[in-house]
């Protein structure tokens, strides 16, 4: 049984999935996935950038635990899309 990632109320209140999707699309326009030495590093980096951008744009000073929770949430949410993007670009 999978454990669902719990986000703090501070993050959940500001989380807008459509905005995250658009921000990710924007990030991918300039991304060079084939320059990464693995697909895992690419997915990790994109989710880390998205996490940092979200926190900065919403002026949230998060604890390391909250940052980790958000990062894992974003990986869980976008890994399939990022995997497919990587595979399409780096065949």
C-alpha atoms as a PDB file:
ATOM      1  CA  UNK A   1       0.000   0.000   0.000  1.00  0.00           C
ATOM      2  CA  UNK A   2       1.425   3.370  -1.062  1.00  0.00           C
ATOM      3  CA  UNK A   3       1.820   6.112   1.486  1.00  0.00           C
ATOM      4  CA  UNK A   4       0.288   9.366   0.314  1.00  0.00           C
ATOM      5  CA  UNK A   5       2.536  12.402   0.560  1.00  0.00           C
ATOM      6  CA  UNK A   6       1.258  14.869   3.137  1.00  0.00           C
ATOM      7  CA  UNK A   7       1.811  18.545   2.437  1.00  0.00           C
ATOM      8  CA  UNK A   8       1.674  21.225   5.090  1.00  0.00           C
ATOM      9  CA  UNK A   9      -1.443  23.421   5.115  1.00  0.00           C
ATOM     10  CA  UNK A  10       0.749  26.397   4.206  1.00  0.00           C
ATOM     11  CA  UNK A  11       1.725  24.694   0.942  1.00  0.00           C
ATOM     12  CA  UNK A  12      -1.673  23.130   0.188  1.00  0.00           C
ATOM     13  CA  UNK A  13      -3.458  26.486   0.441  1.00  0.00           C
ATOM     14  CA  UNK A  14      -1.206  28.019  -2.206  1.00  0.00           C
ATOM     15  CA  UNK A  15      -0.880  24.997  -4.471  1.00  0.00           C
ATOM     16  CA  UNK A  16      -2.488  25.455  -7.877  1.00  0.00           C
ATOM     17  CA  UNK A  17      -1.925  22.449 -10.139  1.00  0.00           C
ATOM     18  CA  UNK A  18      -2.646  24.348 -13.353  1.00  0.00           C
ATOM     19  CA  UNK A  19      -0.066  26.988 -12.456  1.00  0.00           C
ATOM     20  CA  UNK A  20       2.468  24.257 -11.679  1.00  0.00           C
ATOM     21  CA  UNK A  21       1.822  22.588 -15.041  1.00  0.00           C
ATOM     22  CA  UNK A  22       2.308  25.858 -16.919  1.00  0.00           C
ATOM     23  CA  UNK A  23       5.455  26.617 -14.977  1.00  0.00           C
ATOM     24  CA  UNK A  24       6.828  23.179 -15.786  1.00  0.00           C
ATOM     25  CA  UNK A  25       6.045  23.657 -19.482  1.00  0.00           C
ATOM     26  CA  UNK A  26       7.931  26.959 -19.324  1.00  0.00           C
ATOM     27  CA  UNK A  27      10.926  25.258 -17.673  1.00  0.00           C
ATOM     28  CA  UNK A  28      10.968  22.516 -20.283  1.00  0.00           C
ATOM     29  CA  UNK A  29      11.178  25.041 -23.121  1.00  0.00           C
ATOM     30  CA  UNK A  30      14.752  25.845 -22.071  1.00  0.00           C
ATOM     31  CA  UNK A  31      15.667  22.446 -20.654  1.00  0.00           C
ATOM     32  CA  UNK A  32      18.364  20.314 -22.227  1.00  0.00           C
ATOM     33  CA  UNK A  33      17.395  16.851 -20.996  1.00  0.00           C
ATOM     34  CA  UNK A  34      20.006  15.029 -23.059  1.00  0.00           C
ATOM     35  CA  UNK A  35      22.787  16.881 -21.236  1.00  0.00           C
ATOM     36  CA  UNK A  36      21.923  14.991 -18.031  1.00  0.00           C
ATOM     37  CA  UNK A  37      23.797  11.792 -17.323  1.00  0.00           C
ATOM     38  CA  UNK A  38      20.579  10.014 -16.334  1.00  0.00           C
ATOM     39  CA  UNK A  39      16.839  10.367 -16.551  1.00  0.00           C
ATOM     40  CA  UNK A  40      16.668  10.338 -12.767  1.00  0.00           C
ATOM     41  CA  UNK A  41      18.943  13.376 -12.530  1.00  0.00           C
ATOM     42  CA  UNK A  42      16.811  15.197 -15.098  1.00  0.00           C
ATOM     43  CA  UNK A  43      13.561  14.493 -13.240  1.00  0.00           C
ATOM     44  CA  UNK A  44      15.151  15.388  -9.914  1.00  0.00           C
ATOM     45  CA  UNK A  45      16.545  18.674 -11.205  1.00  0.00           C
ATOM     46  CA  UNK A  46      13.291  19.759 -12.873  1.00  0.00           C
ATOM     47  CA  UNK A  47      11.276  19.034  -9.723  1.00  0.00           C
ATOM     48  CA  UNK A  48      13.852  20.789  -7.557  1.00  0.00           C
ATOM     49  CA  UNK A  49      13.722  23.901  -9.744  1.00  0.00           C
ATOM     50  CA  UNK A  50       9.922  23.798  -9.720  1.00  0.00           C
ATOM     51  CA  UNK A  51       9.914  23.469  -5.910  1.00  0.00           C
ATOM     52  CA  UNK A  52      12.267  26.404  -5.442  1.00  0.00           C
ATOM     53  CA  UNK A  53      10.296  28.554  -7.886  1.00  0.00           C
ATOM     54  CA  UNK A  54       7.015  27.766  -6.170  1.00  0.00           C
ATOM     55  CA  UNK A  55       8.388  28.644  -2.740  1.00  0.00           C
ATOM     56  CA  UNK A  56       9.971  31.869  -3.987  1.00  0.00           C
ATOM     57  CA  UNK A  57       6.926  33.014  -5.968  1.00  0.00           C
ATOM     58  CA  UNK A  58       4.682  32.437  -2.958  1.00  0.00           C
ATOM     59  CA  UNK A  59       7.157  34.014  -0.532  1.00  0.00           C
ATOM     60  CA  UNK A  60       7.252  30.877   1.617  1.00  0.00           C
ATOM     61  CA  UNK A  61      10.121  30.311   3.997  1.00  0.00           C
ATOM     62  CA  UNK A  62       9.856  26.547   4.377  1.00  0.00           C
ATOM     63  CA  UNK A  63      11.618  24.157   6.701  1.00  0.00           C
ATOM     64  CA  UNK A  64      13.840  21.488   5.149  1.00  0.00           C
ATOM     65  CA  UNK A  65      11.132  18.915   5.946  1.00  0.00           C
ATOM     66  CA  UNK A  66       8.473  20.968   4.137  1.00  0.00           C
ATOM     67  CA  UNK A  67      10.792  21.447   1.158  1.00  0.00           C
ATOM     68  CA  UNK A  68      11.374  17.700   1.000  1.00  0.00           C
ATOM     69  CA  UNK A  69       7.651  16.980   1.179  1.00  0.00           C
ATOM     70  CA  UNK A  70       6.948  19.412  -1.653  1.00  0.00           C
ATOM     71  CA  UNK A  71       9.799  17.999  -3.737  1.00  0.00           C
ATOM     72  CA  UNK A  72       8.508  14.424  -3.329  1.00  0.00           C
ATOM     73  CA  UNK A  73       4.977  15.574  -4.126  1.00  0.00           C
ATOM     74  CA  UNK A  74       6.195  17.183  -7.359  1.00  0.00           C
ATOM     75  CA  UNK A  75       8.183  14.098  -8.334  1.00  0.00           C
ATOM     76  CA  UNK A  76       5.130  11.941  -7.722  1.00  0.00           C
ATOM     77  CA  UNK A  77       2.950  14.336  -9.702  1.00  0.00           C
ATOM     78  CA  UNK A  78       5.201  14.923 -12.726  1.00  0.00           C
ATOM     79  CA  UNK A  79       7.589  11.986 -13.084  1.00  0.00           C
ATOM     80  CA  UNK A  80       5.578  10.322 -15.871  1.00  0.00           C
ATOM     81  CA  UNK A  81       5.384  13.508 -17.922  1.00  0.00           C
ATOM     82  CA  UNK A  82       9.059  14.254 -17.367  1.00  0.00           C
ATOM     83  CA  UNK A  83       9.997  10.674 -18.240  1.00  0.00           C
ATOM     84  CA  UNK A  84       8.058  10.871 -21.501  1.00  0.00           C
ATOM     85  CA  UNK A  85       9.575  14.260 -22.334  1.00  0.00           C
ATOM     86  CA  UNK A  86      13.066  12.915 -21.706  1.00  0.00           C
ATOM     87  CA  UNK A  87      12.467   9.829 -23.830  1.00  0.00           C
ATOM     88  CA  UNK A  88      11.029  11.875 -26.711  1.00  0.00           C
ATOM     89  CA  UNK A  89      13.923  14.333 -26.682  1.00  0.00           C
ATOM     90  CA  UNK A  90      16.785  11.900 -26.129  1.00  0.00           C
ATOM     91  CA  UNK A  91      16.014   8.949 -28.396  1.00  0.00           C
END
